[in-house]
Amino acid sequence: MLPEKPIALGILAPGSGATWMERIMVRWHHRIYLRHYFRLRPGGEEESRAWRPIVAAARMSEGITQLQAWLGLQVEKGLGSVG
């Protein structure tokens, strides 16, 4: 069962009904987390960026309708950067 307001990759799913405050807090928390993570792991940003379309493609099979458009966009961006 999905939570009422699913969160994925630091964004609130479109149509989740989240308040503006929830959106701000999720983005703020995600930004701080990633800043700290990448400070501890130099070069991790490039690695994370490279894996994003692969993870997005795999997550599309989960059938989370609120995320399908966003996940598809991540896959397309990844395919566009390949060549």
C-alpha atoms as a PDB file:
ATOM      1  CA  MET A   1       0.000   0.000   0.000  1.00  0.00           C
ATOM      2  CA  LEU A   2       1.340   3.425  -0.974  1.00  0.00           C
ATOM      3  CA  PRO A   3       1.545   6.262   1.530  1.00  0.00           C
ATOM      4  CA  GLU A   4      -1.038   8.973   1.090  1.00  0.00           C
ATOM      5  CA  LYS A   5       1.643  11.400  -0.105  1.00  0.00           C
ATOM      6  CA  PRO A   6       4.436   9.403  -1.792  1.00  0.00           C
ATOM      7  CA  ILE A   7       7.881  10.988  -1.894  1.00  0.00           C
ATOM      8  CA  ALA A   8      10.448   9.956  -4.479  1.00  0.00           C
ATOM      9  CA  LEU A   9      13.915  11.304  -5.127  1.00  0.00           C
ATOM     10  CA  GLY A  10      13.257  14.392  -3.076  1.00  0.00           C
ATOM     11  CA  ILE A  11      10.085  15.520  -4.802  1.00  0.00           C
ATOM     12  CA  LEU A  12       6.504  15.119  -3.787  1.00  0.00           C
ATOM     13  CA  ALA A  13       4.601  13.208  -6.421  1.00  0.00           C
ATOM     14  CA  PRO A  14       2.360  15.379  -8.606  1.00  0.00           C
ATOM     15  CA  GLY A  15      -1.241  15.223  -7.497  1.00  0.00           C
ATOM     16  CA  SER A  16      -0.321  14.052  -4.023  1.00  0.00           C
ATOM     17  CA  GLY A  17      -2.249  16.882  -2.397  1.00  0.00           C
ATOM     18  CA  ALA A  18       0.757  18.055  -0.405  1.00  0.00           C
ATOM     19  CA  THR A  19       0.630  21.497   1.145  1.00  0.00           C
ATOM     20  CA  TRP A  20       3.090  24.186   0.138  1.00  0.00           C
ATOM     21  CA  MET A  21       4.833  23.785   3.512  1.00  0.00           C
ATOM     22  CA  GLU A  22       5.286  20.032   2.956  1.00  0.00           C
ATOM     23  CA  ARG A  23       6.787  20.685  -0.479  1.00  0.00           C
ATOM     24  CA  ILE A  24       9.228  23.238   0.929  1.00  0.00           C
ATOM     25  CA  MET A  25      10.260  20.974   3.800  1.00  0.00           C
ATOM     26  CA  VAL A  26      10.833  17.956   1.526  1.00  0.00           C
ATOM     27  CA  ARG A  27      12.966  19.991  -0.889  1.00  0.00           C
ATOM     28  CA  TRP A  28      14.918  21.552   1.983  1.00  0.00           C
ATOM     29  CA  HIS A  29      15.568  18.193   3.650  1.00  0.00           C
ATOM     30  CA  HIS A  30      16.594  16.591   0.355  1.00  0.00           C
ATOM     31  CA  ARG A  31      18.974  19.440  -0.504  1.00  0.00           C
ATOM     32  CA  ILE A  32      20.676  19.275   2.906  1.00  0.00           C
ATOM     33  CA  TYR A  33      20.925  15.477   2.785  1.00  0.00           C
ATOM     34  CA  LEU A  34      22.500  15.466  -0.677  1.00  0.00           C
ATOM     35  CA  ARG A  35      24.906  18.277   0.172  1.00  0.00           C
ATOM     36  CA  HIS A  36      26.142  16.337   3.193  1.00  0.00           C
ATOM     37  CA  TYR A  37      26.268  13.010   1.323  1.00  0.00           C
ATOM     38  CA  PHE A  38      28.274  14.408  -1.582  1.00  0.00           C
ATOM     39  CA  ARG A  39      30.619  16.241   0.795  1.00  0.00           C
ATOM     40  CA  LEU A  40      31.434  12.841   2.315  1.00  0.00           C
ATOM     41  CA  ARG A  41      31.648  11.163  -1.100  1.00  0.00           C
ATOM     42  CA  PRO A  42      33.522  13.336  -3.617  1.00  0.00           C
ATOM     43  CA  GLY A  43      32.610  12.434  -7.189  1.00  0.00           C
ATOM     44  CA  GLY A  44      29.300  10.964  -6.045  1.00  0.00           C
ATOM     45  CA  GLU A  45      27.270  13.576  -7.929  1.00  0.00           C
ATOM     46  CA  GLU A  46      28.472  12.287 -11.297  1.00  0.00           C
ATOM     47  CA  GLU A  47      27.825   8.702 -10.268  1.00  0.00           C
ATOM     48  CA  SER A  48      24.357   9.574  -8.991  1.00  0.00           C
ATOM     49  CA  ARG A  49      23.533  11.416 -12.213  1.00  0.00           C
ATOM     50  CA  ALA A  50      24.678   8.412 -14.277  1.00  0.00           C
ATOM     51  CA  TRP A  51      22.470   5.978 -12.322  1.00  0.00           C
ATOM     52  CA  ARG A  52      19.344   8.176 -12.252  1.00  0.00           C
ATOM     53  CA  PRO A  53      17.856   7.029 -15.612  1.00  0.00           C
ATOM     54  CA  ILE A  54      18.540   3.377 -14.797  1.00  0.00           C
ATOM     55  CA  VAL A  55      16.842   3.613 -11.408  1.00  0.00           C
ATOM     56  CA  ALA A  56      13.963   5.586 -12.948  1.00  0.00           C
ATOM     57  CA  ALA A  57      13.419   2.914 -15.619  1.00  0.00           C
ATOM     58  CA  ALA A  58      13.344   0.205 -12.966  1.00  0.00           C
ATOM     59  CA  ARG A  59      10.914   2.187 -10.797  1.00  0.00           C
ATOM     60  CA  MET A  60       8.503   2.604 -13.739  1.00  0.00           C
ATOM     61  CA  SER A  61       7.636  -1.080 -13.393  1.00  0.00           C
ATOM     62  CA  GLU A  62       6.286  -0.397  -9.889  1.00  0.00           C
ATOM     63  CA  GLY A  63       3.187   1.172 -11.430  1.00  0.00           C
ATOM     64  CA  ILE A  64       3.092   4.336  -9.308  1.00  0.00           C
ATOM     65  CA  THR A  65       0.875   6.396 -11.589  1.00  0.00           C
ATOM     66  CA  GLN A  66       1.720   9.733  -9.931  1.00  0.00           C
ATOM     67  CA  LEU A  67       5.401   9.242 -10.794  1.00  0.00           C
ATOM     68  CA  GLN A  68       5.228   7.768 -14.301  1.00  0.00           C
ATOM     69  CA  ALA A  69       5.621  11.079 -16.152  1.00  0.00           C
ATOM     70  CA  TRP A  70       8.527  12.213 -13.978  1.00  0.00           C
ATOM     71  CA  LEU A  71      10.265   8.830 -14.188  1.00  0.00           C
ATOM     72  CA  GLY A  72       9.809   8.782 -17.974  1.00  0.00           C
ATOM     73  CA  LEU A  73      11.405  12.218 -18.186  1.00  0.00           C
ATOM     74  CA  GLN A  74      14.420  10.998 -16.194  1.00  0.00           C
ATOM     75  CA  VAL A  75      14.808   8.025 -18.545  1.00  0.00           C
ATOM     76  CA  GLU A  76      14.575  10.286 -21.616  1.00  0.00           C
ATOM     77  CA  LYS A  77      17.161  12.677 -20.188  1.00  0.00           C
ATOM     78  CA  GLY A  78      19.487   9.736 -19.593  1.00  0.00           C
ATOM     79  CA  LEU A  79      19.022   8.389 -23.102  1.00  0.00           C
ATOM     80  CA  GLY A  80      19.607  11.866 -24.533  1.00  0.00           C
ATOM     81  CA  SER A  81      22.973  12.135 -22.800  1.00  0.00           C
ATOM     82  CA  VAL A  82      24.188   8.800 -24.204  1.00  0.00           C
ATOM     83  CA  GLY A  83      24.670  10.010 -27.710  1.00  0.00           C
END
